[in-house]
């Protein structure tokens, strides 16, 4: 499902530094209107896995033409901000 998690974490750290700033792991900073924490690998992994699963379900729903619940989209956008990814939809 997910390729090498270590590589994904390294990409996250690079995105975080580029988009949010160079702060210590565990520190907080504002990004995309949210206060986010620079996560450790152990914190990052379950957030990424949940985000990838939710994005897959979201894409399937869009392809089927389902009505997307605003709550689901808000959660995806919050997780995207936490992972320093562009928001879906």
N, C-alpha and C. Protein backbone atom coordinates (compact mmCIF):
# COMPACT_ATOMS: atom_id res chain seq x y z
N UNK A 1 0.84 -1.20 0.00
CA UNK A 1 0.00 0.00 0.00
C UNK A 1 0.88 1.25 0.00
N UNK A 2 1.71 1.41 0.98
CA UNK A 2 2.61 2.56 1.06
C UNK A 2 4.01 2.05 0.79
N UNK A 3 4.71 2.76 -0.09
CA UNK A 3 6.11 2.38 -0.31
C UNK A 3 6.88 2.66 0.98
N UNK A 4 8.14 2.77 0.91
CA UNK A 4 8.99 2.91 2.09
C UNK A 4 8.57 4.09 2.97
N UNK A 5 8.14 3.80 4.18
CA UNK A 5 7.71 4.85 5.10
C UNK A 5 8.84 5.78 5.50
N UNK A 6 10.05 5.25 5.54
CA UNK A 6 11.20 6.09 5.85
C UNK A 6 11.39 7.18 4.80
N UNK A 7 11.23 6.80 3.52
CA UNK A 7 11.33 7.79 2.45
C UNK A 7 10.22 8.83 2.55
N UNK A 8 9.02 8.38 2.87
CA UNK A 8 7.89 9.31 2.99
C UNK A 8 8.12 10.29 4.15
N UNK A 9 8.71 9.80 5.24
CA UNK A 9 9.00 10.68 6.37
C UNK A 9 10.08 11.70 5.99
N UNK A 10 11.09 11.25 5.27
CA UNK A 10 12.15 12.16 4.82
C UNK A 10 11.55 13.25 3.91
N UNK A 11 10.65 12.87 3.02
CA UNK A 11 9.97 13.84 2.15
C UNK A 11 9.16 14.84 2.98
N UNK A 12 8.48 14.32 4.01
CA UNK A 12 7.72 15.18 4.92
C UNK A 12 8.63 16.21 5.59
N UNK A 13 9.78 15.75 6.09
CA UNK A 13 10.71 16.67 6.75
C UNK A 13 11.19 17.75 5.78
N UNK A 14 11.48 17.37 4.54
CA UNK A 14 11.90 18.35 3.53
C UNK A 14 10.77 19.35 3.25
N UNK A 15 9.53 18.84 3.06
CA UNK A 15 8.37 19.72 2.83
C UNK A 15 8.18 20.66 4.00
N UNK A 16 8.28 20.11 5.21
CA UNK A 16 8.05 20.90 6.41
C UNK A 16 9.05 22.07 6.45
N UNK A 17 10.31 21.78 6.25
CA UNK A 17 11.33 22.83 6.28
C UNK A 17 11.08 23.87 5.20
N UNK A 18 10.76 23.41 4.00
CA UNK A 18 10.53 24.32 2.88
C UNK A 18 9.27 25.17 3.06
N UNK A 19 8.17 24.56 3.49
CA UNK A 19 6.88 25.23 3.54
C UNK A 19 6.57 25.91 4.88
N UNK A 20 7.07 25.34 5.96
CA UNK A 20 6.71 25.82 7.30
C UNK A 20 7.88 26.51 7.98
N UNK A 21 9.06 25.95 7.80
CA UNK A 21 10.26 26.52 8.42
C UNK A 21 11.07 25.44 9.10
N UNK A 22 12.28 25.78 9.43
CA UNK A 22 13.19 24.83 10.07
C UNK A 22 13.05 24.95 11.58
N UNK A 23 12.20 24.10 12.15
CA UNK A 23 12.00 24.08 13.60
C UNK A 23 12.31 22.68 14.11
N UNK A 24 12.47 22.57 15.41
CA UNK A 24 12.78 21.28 16.03
C UNK A 24 11.59 20.33 15.95
N UNK A 25 11.89 19.03 15.85
CA UNK A 25 10.84 18.02 15.94
C UNK A 25 10.16 18.18 17.29
N UNK A 26 8.85 18.16 17.30
CA UNK A 26 8.08 18.34 18.53
C UNK A 26 7.59 19.77 18.72
N UNK A 27 8.17 20.72 17.96
CA UNK A 27 7.76 22.13 18.06
C UNK A 27 6.53 22.37 17.18
N UNK A 28 5.81 23.44 17.47
CA UNK A 28 4.59 23.79 16.75
C UNK A 28 4.80 25.07 15.95
N UNK A 29 4.10 25.16 14.82
CA UNK A 29 4.11 26.37 14.01
C UNK A 29 2.83 26.41 13.19
N UNK A 30 2.40 27.59 12.82
CA UNK A 30 1.18 27.76 12.05
C UNK A 30 1.44 27.48 10.57
N UNK A 31 0.53 26.70 9.96
CA UNK A 31 0.60 26.38 8.53
C UNK A 31 -0.82 26.14 8.01
N UNK A 32 -1.14 26.77 6.90
CA UNK A 32 -2.46 26.60 6.26
C UNK A 32 -3.59 26.89 7.26
N UNK A 33 -3.37 27.87 8.11
CA UNK A 33 -4.38 28.26 9.08
C UNK A 33 -4.51 27.33 10.28
N UNK A 34 -3.62 26.37 10.39
CA UNK A 34 -3.65 25.40 11.49
C UNK A 34 -2.32 25.45 12.24
N UNK A 35 -2.39 25.21 13.54
CA UNK A 35 -1.19 25.06 14.35
C UNK A 35 -0.79 23.59 14.24
N UNK A 36 0.37 23.32 13.64
CA UNK A 36 0.78 21.94 13.44
C UNK A 36 2.10 21.67 14.15
N UNK A 37 2.28 20.42 14.48
CA UNK A 37 3.49 19.97 15.18
C UNK A 37 4.40 19.27 14.18
N UNK A 38 5.69 19.52 14.27
CA UNK A 38 6.65 18.76 13.47
C UNK A 38 6.77 17.39 14.13
N UNK A 39 6.28 16.37 13.44
CA UNK A 39 6.13 15.05 14.03
C UNK A 39 7.40 14.21 13.98
N UNK A 40 7.50 13.32 14.94
CA UNK A 40 8.52 12.27 14.90
C UNK A 40 8.06 11.22 13.89
N UNK A 41 8.94 10.31 13.53
CA UNK A 41 8.58 9.22 12.62
C UNK A 41 7.43 8.41 13.20
N UNK A 42 7.48 8.16 14.50
CA UNK A 42 6.44 7.35 15.16
C UNK A 42 5.09 8.05 15.12
N UNK A 43 5.06 9.37 15.19
CA UNK A 43 3.81 10.12 15.11
C UNK A 43 3.33 10.22 13.66
N UNK A 44 4.27 10.39 12.76
CA UNK A 44 3.98 10.59 11.34
C UNK A 44 3.31 9.38 10.69
N UNK A 45 3.82 8.19 10.99
CA UNK A 45 3.39 6.97 10.31
C UNK A 45 1.88 6.73 10.39
N UNK A 46 1.25 6.72 11.57
CA UNK A 46 -0.20 6.47 11.59
C UNK A 46 -1.00 7.59 10.93
N UNK A 47 -0.52 8.84 11.02
CA UNK A 47 -1.23 9.95 10.38
C UNK A 47 -1.19 9.78 8.87
N UNK A 48 -0.03 9.43 8.34
CA UNK A 48 0.09 9.21 6.89
C UNK A 48 -0.79 8.05 6.44
N UNK A 49 -0.75 6.94 7.14
CA UNK A 49 -1.54 5.78 6.75
C UNK A 49 -3.03 6.10 6.75
N UNK A 50 -3.50 6.81 7.76
CA UNK A 50 -4.91 7.19 7.82
C UNK A 50 -5.26 8.15 6.68
N UNK A 51 -4.38 9.10 6.40
CA UNK A 51 -4.61 10.06 5.33
C UNK A 51 -4.69 9.37 3.96
N UNK A 52 -3.76 8.45 3.71
CA UNK A 52 -3.76 7.74 2.43
C UNK A 52 -5.04 6.92 2.27
N UNK A 53 -5.48 6.26 3.33
CA UNK A 53 -6.71 5.48 3.28
C UNK A 53 -7.92 6.38 3.04
N UNK A 54 -7.98 7.50 3.74
CA UNK A 54 -9.12 8.42 3.56
C UNK A 54 -9.12 9.02 2.16
N UNK A 55 -7.96 9.35 1.63
CA UNK A 55 -7.88 9.90 0.27
C UNK A 55 -8.37 8.88 -0.75
N UNK A 56 -8.01 7.62 -0.55
CA UNK A 56 -8.46 6.58 -1.47
C UNK A 56 -9.98 6.46 -1.44
N UNK A 57 -10.57 6.48 -0.25
CA UNK A 57 -12.03 6.42 -0.14
C UNK A 57 -12.68 7.65 -0.76
N UNK A 58 -12.08 8.81 -0.54
CA UNK A 58 -12.58 10.06 -1.11
C UNK A 58 -12.58 9.98 -2.64
N UNK A 59 -11.47 9.54 -3.22
CA UNK A 59 -11.37 9.43 -4.68
C UNK A 59 -12.40 8.45 -5.23
N UNK A 60 -12.59 7.32 -4.56
CA UNK A 60 -13.58 6.35 -4.99
C UNK A 60 -14.98 6.97 -4.97
N UNK A 61 -15.28 7.72 -3.94
CA UNK A 61 -16.59 8.37 -3.82
C UNK A 61 -16.80 9.39 -4.93
N UNK A 62 -15.77 10.18 -5.22
CA UNK A 62 -15.86 11.18 -6.27
C UNK A 62 -16.09 10.50 -7.62
N UNK A 63 -15.35 9.43 -7.87
CA UNK A 63 -15.48 8.70 -9.14
C UNK A 63 -16.87 8.09 -9.29
N UNK A 64 -17.48 7.67 -8.20
CA UNK A 64 -18.84 7.12 -8.24
C UNK A 64 -19.89 8.21 -8.33
N UNK A 65 -19.49 9.45 -8.06
CA UNK A 65 -20.44 10.55 -8.09
C UNK A 65 -21.20 10.71 -6.78
N UNK A 66 -20.68 10.12 -5.71
CA UNK A 66 -21.32 10.25 -4.40
C UNK A 66 -21.26 11.69 -3.92
N UNK A 67 -22.18 12.05 -3.05
CA UNK A 67 -22.12 13.33 -2.37
C UNK A 67 -21.08 13.20 -1.26
N UNK A 68 -20.17 14.16 -1.23
CA UNK A 68 -19.10 14.12 -0.24
C UNK A 68 -19.52 14.93 0.98
N UNK A 69 -19.43 14.31 2.12
CA UNK A 69 -19.75 14.96 3.38
C UNK A 69 -18.71 16.03 3.67
N UNK A 70 -19.16 17.23 4.02
CA UNK A 70 -18.23 18.32 4.34
C UNK A 70 -17.31 17.98 5.50
N UNK A 71 -17.77 17.17 6.43
CA UNK A 71 -16.94 16.79 7.57
C UNK A 71 -15.75 15.97 7.10
N UNK A 72 -15.98 15.05 6.17
CA UNK A 72 -14.90 14.21 5.65
C UNK A 72 -13.87 15.07 4.95
N UNK A 73 -14.33 16.00 4.13
CA UNK A 73 -13.41 16.87 3.41
C UNK A 73 -12.62 17.76 4.39
N UNK A 74 -13.27 18.24 5.44
CA UNK A 74 -12.57 19.06 6.44
C UNK A 74 -11.48 18.25 7.13
N UNK A 75 -11.78 17.00 7.48
CA UNK A 75 -10.78 16.14 8.13
C UNK A 75 -9.60 15.90 7.19
N UNK A 76 -9.89 15.62 5.92
CA UNK A 76 -8.81 15.42 4.95
C UNK A 76 -7.94 16.67 4.81
N UNK A 77 -8.56 17.82 4.78
CA UNK A 77 -7.80 19.07 4.66
C UNK A 77 -6.94 19.31 5.91
N UNK A 78 -7.48 19.00 7.08
CA UNK A 78 -6.71 19.15 8.32
C UNK A 78 -5.51 18.20 8.32
N UNK A 79 -5.73 16.96 7.90
CA UNK A 79 -4.63 16.01 7.85
C UNK A 79 -3.60 16.43 6.81
N UNK A 80 -4.06 16.95 5.68
CA UNK A 80 -3.13 17.43 4.65
C UNK A 80 -2.26 18.54 5.22
N UNK A 81 -2.86 19.46 5.96
CA UNK A 81 -2.08 20.54 6.58
C UNK A 81 -1.06 19.97 7.56
N UNK A 82 -1.47 19.00 8.36
CA UNK A 82 -0.56 18.38 9.32
C UNK A 82 0.62 17.71 8.63
N UNK A 83 0.36 17.10 7.48
CA UNK A 83 1.40 16.40 6.72
C UNK A 83 2.12 17.34 5.74
N UNK A 84 1.72 18.61 5.72
CA UNK A 84 2.27 19.63 4.84
C UNK A 84 2.13 19.17 3.38
N UNK A 85 0.91 18.72 3.05
CA UNK A 85 0.55 18.31 1.70
C UNK A 85 -0.50 19.28 1.16
N UNK A 86 -0.62 19.38 -0.17
CA UNK A 86 -1.69 20.21 -0.72
C UNK A 86 -3.05 19.61 -0.36
N UNK A 87 -4.05 20.44 -0.09
CA UNK A 87 -5.36 19.90 0.29
C UNK A 87 -6.03 19.18 -0.88
N UNK A 88 -6.76 18.11 -0.59
CA UNK A 88 -7.49 17.41 -1.65
C UNK A 88 -8.74 18.19 -2.03
N UNK A 89 -9.23 17.91 -3.19
CA UNK A 89 -10.48 18.52 -3.65
C UNK A 89 -10.34 19.95 -3.79
